Amino acid sequence: MATDTWVNETLYPAWGQRFRVVRELARVQSQFQDIMVFESETHGRVMLLDGVVQITEADEFVYQEMLTHVPLLAHGAAKRVLIIGAGDGGVLKRVLEHRTVEKAVMVEIDGEVIRLAKEHMPGIAGDAWTDPRAEVIVGDGIDYVRQAAAASFDVVIVDSTDPIGVGEVLFTDEFYANAARLLSDRGLIVNQGGVPFMQADELRETNIRRAKAFPDTWAYVAAVPTYVGGFMTLGWAAKDKALRHVGVEDIRKRAQAAGILGRTRYWTPEIHAGAFHLPPYIAQNLGG
């Protein structure tokens, strides 16, 4: 039964959302951030980092599917995938749903996020933690990309907080330059790009940085209910411009080969293709 306790998200100073709490499950001050996990009345279990909603059990599938399936199927032959952040394990699970993937390396800086997700939100990652193709590292993603061998990955997926605090270093010129170096010839990187209705500067500035290291930059969109403010953008940077123009039927064939066709709740081949067609208010931040 719900209490009269409410949790208010603190992402924006003048606007936000709140959840009625059924019960608080964990509250931890880690080395990096304040982590809270609670049972909500409407969205299942919710994780907040420094007062900002990271994931809810009810709508995580939207974000996780689009952050994962779009780059992997756009590439079409990705065998080695690097995940930065994503401590809840949801991206790792979706990457490993692709039977064509041979290795997924996940680097999360805050081990407490992983621990609390395993304990309180085990359905998010499922069996991904113990998949033999998975390597989970508690460490600094910046250091990892700096030291990774050239052309050692096909796709990089960055699931981070906004470019403030602990997540800021994942949006720098150096990070994108190192990402370009460790990616193979047709490699690409995607990252959380914010809600451009409220965070247009974030999208614009990170796209400028990506463009210094990659010949093709853009964004695509997903409608995630708890990332309030309209469309969420996912930043895109690729070595081959053709990757974001793959047709619906080719995407469908690749999804069939990967084993994910018909297993998704948001992503479809049609949504994949359509997600790159941006409303003008978003495209203007990308030079489009």
Protein backbone atom coordinates (compact mmCIF):
# COMPACT_ATOMS: atom_id res chain seq x y z
CA MET A 1 0.00 0.00 0.00
CA ALA A 2 1.33 3.42 -0.93
CA THR A 3 2.41 5.87 1.72
CA ASP A 4 2.12 9.65 1.69
CA THR A 5 5.84 9.86 0.95
CA TRP A 6 6.80 11.36 -2.39
CA VAL A 7 10.13 11.52 -4.16
CA ASN A 8 10.72 14.60 -6.28
CA GLU A 9 13.18 14.43 -9.15
CA THR A 10 15.70 17.28 -9.01
CA LEU A 11 17.01 17.36 -12.60
CA TYR A 12 15.62 20.82 -13.38
CA PRO A 13 15.36 23.68 -10.86
CA ALA A 14 11.94 24.93 -12.03
CA TRP A 15 10.15 21.81 -13.32
CA GLY A 16 10.01 18.13 -12.55
CA GLN A 17 8.12 14.96 -11.76
CA ARG A 18 7.42 13.07 -8.57
CA PHE A 19 6.64 9.51 -7.55
CA ARG A 20 4.58 8.24 -4.65
CA VAL A 21 6.71 5.78 -2.70
CA VAL A 22 5.40 2.41 -1.61
CA ARG A 23 8.64 1.68 0.26
CA GLU A 24 12.25 2.73 0.17
CA LEU A 25 14.56 -0.17 -0.66
CA ALA A 26 18.02 1.37 -0.48
CA ARG A 27 19.76 4.69 0.06
CA VAL A 28 23.53 4.68 -0.38
CA GLN A 29 26.14 7.40 -0.68
CA SER A 30 28.78 5.78 -2.86
CA GLN A 31 32.22 7.14 -3.64
CA PHE A 32 30.68 8.91 -6.64
CA GLN A 33 27.01 9.72 -6.04
CA ASP A 34 23.86 9.39 -3.97
CA ILE A 35 21.92 6.27 -5.00
CA MET A 36 18.30 5.65 -4.08
CA VAL A 37 16.12 2.67 -5.00
CA PHE A 38 12.44 2.60 -4.12
CA GLU A 39 9.22 0.81 -4.96
CA SER A 40 6.82 3.21 -6.68
CA GLU A 41 3.07 2.94 -6.91
CA THR A 42 2.99 3.33 -10.71
CA HIS A 43 6.36 2.49 -12.27
CA GLY A 44 7.64 -0.52 -10.36
CA ARG A 45 11.08 -0.10 -8.82
CA VAL A 46 12.96 3.11 -9.55
CA MET A 47 16.65 4.04 -9.26
CA LEU A 48 17.76 7.63 -8.80
CA LEU A 49 21.33 8.92 -8.95
CA ASP A 50 21.85 12.28 -7.25
CA GLY A 51 18.10 12.83 -7.31
CA VAL A 52 17.69 12.13 -11.04
CA VAL A 53 15.67 9.19 -12.39
CA GLN A 54 17.96 6.69 -14.13
CA ILE A 55 15.65 3.76 -14.68
CA THR A 56 12.22 2.42 -13.81
CA GLU A 57 11.08 -1.15 -14.21
CA ALA A 58 7.99 -0.01 -16.11
CA ASP A 59 9.59 1.81 -19.05
CA GLU A 60 13.27 0.79 -19.11
CA PHE A 61 12.62 -1.34 -22.20
CA VAL A 62 12.15 1.74 -24.39
CA TYR A 63 15.52 3.27 -23.62
CA GLN A 64 17.47 0.01 -23.44
CA GLU A 65 16.12 -1.36 -26.72
CA MET A 66 16.77 1.83 -28.66
CA LEU A 67 20.22 2.41 -27.18
CA THR A 68 21.24 -1.15 -28.07
CA HIS A 69 19.37 -2.55 -31.07
CA VAL A 70 19.70 0.56 -33.25
CA PRO A 71 23.53 0.68 -33.33
CA LEU A 72 24.01 -3.09 -33.48
CA LEU A 73 21.58 -3.58 -36.35
CA ALA A 74 22.70 -0.45 -38.17
CA HIS A 75 26.21 -1.88 -38.15
CA GLY A 76 24.95 -5.29 -39.17
CA ALA A 77 28.04 -7.32 -38.30
CA ALA A 78 29.05 -6.19 -34.81
CA LYS A 79 30.85 -8.93 -32.93
CA ARG A 80 32.59 -6.97 -30.15
CA VAL A 81 30.68 -4.35 -28.18
CA LEU A 82 31.94 -1.97 -25.49
CA ILE A 83 29.42 -0.60 -22.97
CA ILE A 84 30.38 2.37 -20.79
CA GLY A 85 28.20 2.85 -17.72
CA ALA A 86 24.84 1.04 -17.78
CA GLY A 87 25.37 -0.34 -14.27
CA ASP A 88 21.83 -1.68 -14.06
CA GLY A 89 22.73 -4.31 -16.68
CA GLY A 90 19.86 -3.59 -19.06
CA VAL A 91 22.05 -2.64 -22.01
CA LEU A 92 24.25 -5.66 -21.41
CA LYS A 93 21.18 -7.91 -21.52
CA ARG A 94 20.00 -6.41 -24.81
CA VAL A 95 23.46 -6.65 -26.40
CA LEU A 96 23.67 -10.32 -25.47
CA GLU A 97 20.26 -10.98 -27.00
CA HIS A 98 22.08 -10.66 -30.33
CA ARG A 99 23.39 -14.14 -30.99
CA THR A 100 25.79 -12.59 -33.52
CA VAL A 101 27.69 -10.80 -30.70
CA GLU A 102 30.78 -12.67 -29.54
CA LYS A 103 31.98 -10.39 -26.74
CA ALA A 104 30.45 -7.60 -24.64
CA VAL A 105 32.69 -5.63 -22.30
CA MET A 106 30.92 -3.40 -19.77
CA VAL A 107 32.83 -0.78 -17.77
CA GLU A 108 30.88 0.86 -14.92
CA ILE A 109 32.67 3.25 -12.58
CA ASP A 110 30.37 2.75 -9.57
CA GLY A 111 30.21 -0.79 -8.27
CA GLU A 112 27.42 0.18 -5.90
CA VAL A 113 25.08 0.77 -8.84
CA ILE A 114 25.73 -2.78 -10.03
CA ARG A 115 25.29 -4.22 -6.53
CA LEU A 116 22.02 -2.43 -5.87
CA ALA A 117 20.63 -3.26 -9.32
CA LYS A 118 21.42 -6.94 -8.80
CA GLU A 119 19.81 -6.92 -5.37
CA HIS A 120 16.72 -4.80 -5.95
CA MET A 121 16.09 -4.81 -9.73
CA PRO A 122 17.29 -8.25 -10.86
CA GLY A 123 14.86 -8.45 -13.77
CA ILE A 124 16.57 -5.57 -15.58
CA ALA A 125 19.68 -7.60 -16.44
CA GLY A 126 18.31 -11.11 -16.06
CA ASP A 127 21.05 -13.66 -16.72
CA ALA A 128 23.36 -11.19 -18.46
CA TRP A 129 25.78 -10.98 -15.51
CA THR A 130 26.72 -14.65 -15.88
CA ASP A 131 26.72 -14.89 -19.68
CA PRO A 132 30.13 -16.26 -20.79
CA ARG A 133 30.34 -13.60 -23.50
CA ALA A 134 30.14 -10.82 -20.93
CA GLU A 135 33.06 -9.16 -19.18
CA VAL A 136 31.98 -6.73 -16.45
CA ILE A 137 34.61 -4.33 -15.15
CA VAL A 138 34.17 -1.96 -12.23
CA GLY A 139 36.43 0.84 -13.33
CA ASP A 140 36.88 4.11 -15.16
CA GLY A 141 35.54 4.07 -18.72
CA ILE A 142 37.81 6.98 -19.63
CA ASP A 143 40.90 4.98 -18.73
CA TYR A 144 39.54 1.93 -20.53
CA VAL A 145 39.01 3.71 -23.84
CA ARG A 146 42.36 5.45 -23.50
CA GLN A 147 44.15 2.12 -23.20
CA ALA A 148 42.06 -0.06 -25.52
CA ALA A 149 43.76 -1.38 -28.62
CA ALA A 150 42.98 0.22 -31.97
CA ALA A 151 40.05 -1.32 -33.86
CA SER A 152 39.24 -3.62 -30.94
CA PHE A 153 35.45 -2.98 -30.92
CA ASP A 154 32.73 -2.58 -33.54
CA VAL A 155 30.21 -0.61 -31.46
CA VAL A 156 30.50 1.53 -28.33
CA ILE A 157 27.37 2.23 -26.26
CA VAL A 158 27.60 4.96 -23.62
CA ASP A 159 24.81 4.86 -21.04
CA SER A 160 25.75 7.62 -18.63
CA THR A 161 24.29 10.35 -16.51
CA ASP A 162 24.06 13.84 -18.01
CA PRO A 163 27.35 15.67 -18.70
CA ILE A 164 27.61 16.98 -15.16
CA GLY A 165 29.40 15.46 -12.19
CA VAL A 166 30.64 11.89 -12.66
CA GLY A 167 29.34 11.69 -16.25
CA GLU A 168 30.99 14.86 -17.56
CA VAL A 169 34.22 13.21 -18.73
CA LEU A 170 32.27 10.95 -21.10
CA PHE A 171 31.40 13.93 -23.32
CA THR A 172 34.86 15.37 -24.05
CA ASP A 173 36.96 15.72 -27.20
CA GLU A 174 39.49 13.26 -25.81
CA PHE A 175 36.87 10.62 -25.09
CA TYR A 176 35.44 10.73 -28.63
CA ALA A 177 38.91 10.71 -30.18
CA ASN A 178 39.80 7.59 -28.20
CA ALA A 179 36.47 6.00 -29.10
CA ALA A 180 37.18 6.57 -32.79
CA ARG A 181 40.59 4.95 -32.42
CA LEU A 182 39.34 1.80 -30.69
CA LEU A 183 36.51 1.31 -33.19
CA SER A 184 36.86 -0.82 -36.31
CA ASP A 185 36.53 0.59 -39.86
CA ARG A 186 32.72 0.74 -39.84
CA GLY A 187 32.48 1.37 -36.13
CA LEU A 188 30.04 3.68 -34.38
CA ILE A 189 29.29 5.08 -30.96
CA VAL A 190 25.94 6.04 -29.43
CA ASN A 191 25.28 7.87 -26.20
CA GLN A 192 22.50 9.30 -24.09
CA GLY A 193 21.87 12.78 -25.49
CA GLY A 194 19.32 14.30 -23.16
CA VAL A 195 15.82 15.65 -23.74
CA PRO A 196 16.37 18.47 -26.26
CA PHE A 197 13.23 20.40 -25.34
CA MET A 198 14.92 21.07 -21.99
CA GLN A 199 18.58 20.29 -22.78
CA ALA A 200 19.20 21.64 -26.28
CA ASP A 201 22.64 22.98 -25.36
CA GLU A 202 23.74 19.52 -24.25
CA LEU A 203 22.80 18.00 -27.60
CA ARG A 204 24.39 20.81 -29.61
CA GLU A 205 27.67 20.87 -27.70
CA THR A 206 28.20 17.11 -27.60
CA ASN A 207 27.46 16.86 -31.31
CA ILE A 208 30.17 19.44 -32.03
CA ARG A 209 32.63 17.33 -30.02
CA ARG A 210 31.62 14.09 -31.75
CA ALA A 211 32.06 15.72 -35.16
CA LYS A 212 35.75 16.37 -34.44
CA ALA A 213 36.39 12.63 -34.34
CA PHE A 214 33.74 11.09 -36.63
CA PRO A 215 32.70 11.92 -40.22
CA ASP A 216 29.00 11.26 -39.58
CA THR A 217 27.16 12.61 -36.56
CA TRP A 218 23.45 12.86 -35.88
CA ALA A 219 20.90 11.76 -33.30
CA TYR A 220 17.83 9.56 -33.13
CA VAL A 221 14.88 9.67 -30.79
CA ALA A 222 12.94 7.53 -28.34
CA ALA A 223 9.89 8.39 -26.26
CA VAL A 224 10.76 7.35 -22.69
CA PRO A 225 7.95 8.38 -20.32
CA THR A 226 10.11 9.01 -17.26
CA TYR A 227 12.69 11.08 -19.15
CA VAL A 228 10.20 13.92 -19.14
CA GLY A 229 10.13 16.72 -21.66
CA GLY A 230 9.26 15.04 -24.96
CA PHE A 231 11.60 13.00 -27.11
CA MET A 232 14.83 11.68 -25.63
CA THR A 233 17.77 11.88 -28.03
CA LEU A 234 20.46 9.29 -28.47
CA GLY A 235 23.63 10.73 -29.94
CA TRP A 236 25.12 9.03 -32.99
CA ALA A 237 28.66 9.15 -34.37
CA ALA A 238 29.81 6.75 -37.10
CA LYS A 239 32.73 6.22 -39.44
CA ASP A 240 30.36 5.30 -42.29
CA LYS A 241 27.42 7.56 -43.11
CA ALA A 242 25.57 4.69 -44.80
CA LEU A 243 24.95 3.02 -41.42
CA ARG A 244 22.11 5.36 -40.49
CA HIS A 245 20.40 4.96 -43.86
CA VAL A 246 19.91 1.18 -43.89
CA GLY A 247 16.44 0.33 -45.21
CA VAL A 248 13.65 -1.23 -43.19
CA GLU A 249 13.79 -4.61 -44.91
CA ASP A 250 17.55 -4.94 -44.43
CA ILE A 251 17.13 -4.05 -40.76
CA ARG A 252 14.40 -6.68 -40.48
CA LYS A 253 16.67 -9.35 -42.00
CA ARG A 254 19.48 -8.42 -39.64
CA ALA A 255 17.14 -8.56 -36.64
CA GLN A 256 15.96 -11.99 -37.74
CA ALA A 257 19.55 -13.21 -38.05
CA ALA A 258 20.42 -11.73 -34.65
CA GLY A 259 17.44 -13.45 -33.04
CA ILE A 260 15.65 -10.37 -31.71
CA LEU A 261 12.84 -9.92 -34.23
CA GLY A 262 9.50 -10.15 -32.44
CA ARG A 263 11.12 -10.05 -28.99
CA THR A 264 10.98 -6.29 -28.46
CA ARG A 265 8.34 -4.01 -26.90
CA TYR A 266 9.37 -0.68 -28.47
CA TRP A 267 11.96 -1.24 -31.19
CA THR A 268 10.79 -2.38 -34.63
CA PRO A 269 12.51 -2.11 -38.02
CA GLU A 270 10.10 0.71 -38.93
CA ILE A 271 10.73 2.60 -35.68
CA HIS A 272 14.47 2.09 -36.18
CA ALA A 273 14.37 3.82 -39.57
CA GLY A 274 11.94 6.51 -38.48
CA ALA A 275 13.87 7.46 -35.35
CA PHE A 276 16.51 9.25 -37.43
CA HIS A 277 13.90 11.61 -38.95
CA LEU A 278 13.95 14.42 -36.43
CA PRO A 279 11.51 17.25 -35.73
CA PRO A 280 13.06 20.57 -36.79
CA TYR A 281 13.37 21.81 -33.19
CA ILE A 282 15.76 18.90 -32.55
CA ALA A 283 17.52 18.81 -35.91
CA GLN A 284 18.50 22.46 -35.65
CA ASN A 285 20.84 21.54 -32.79
CA LEU A 286 22.70 19.18 -35.11
CA GLY A 287 23.14 21.54 -38.00
CA GLY A 288 20.16 19.95 -39.76
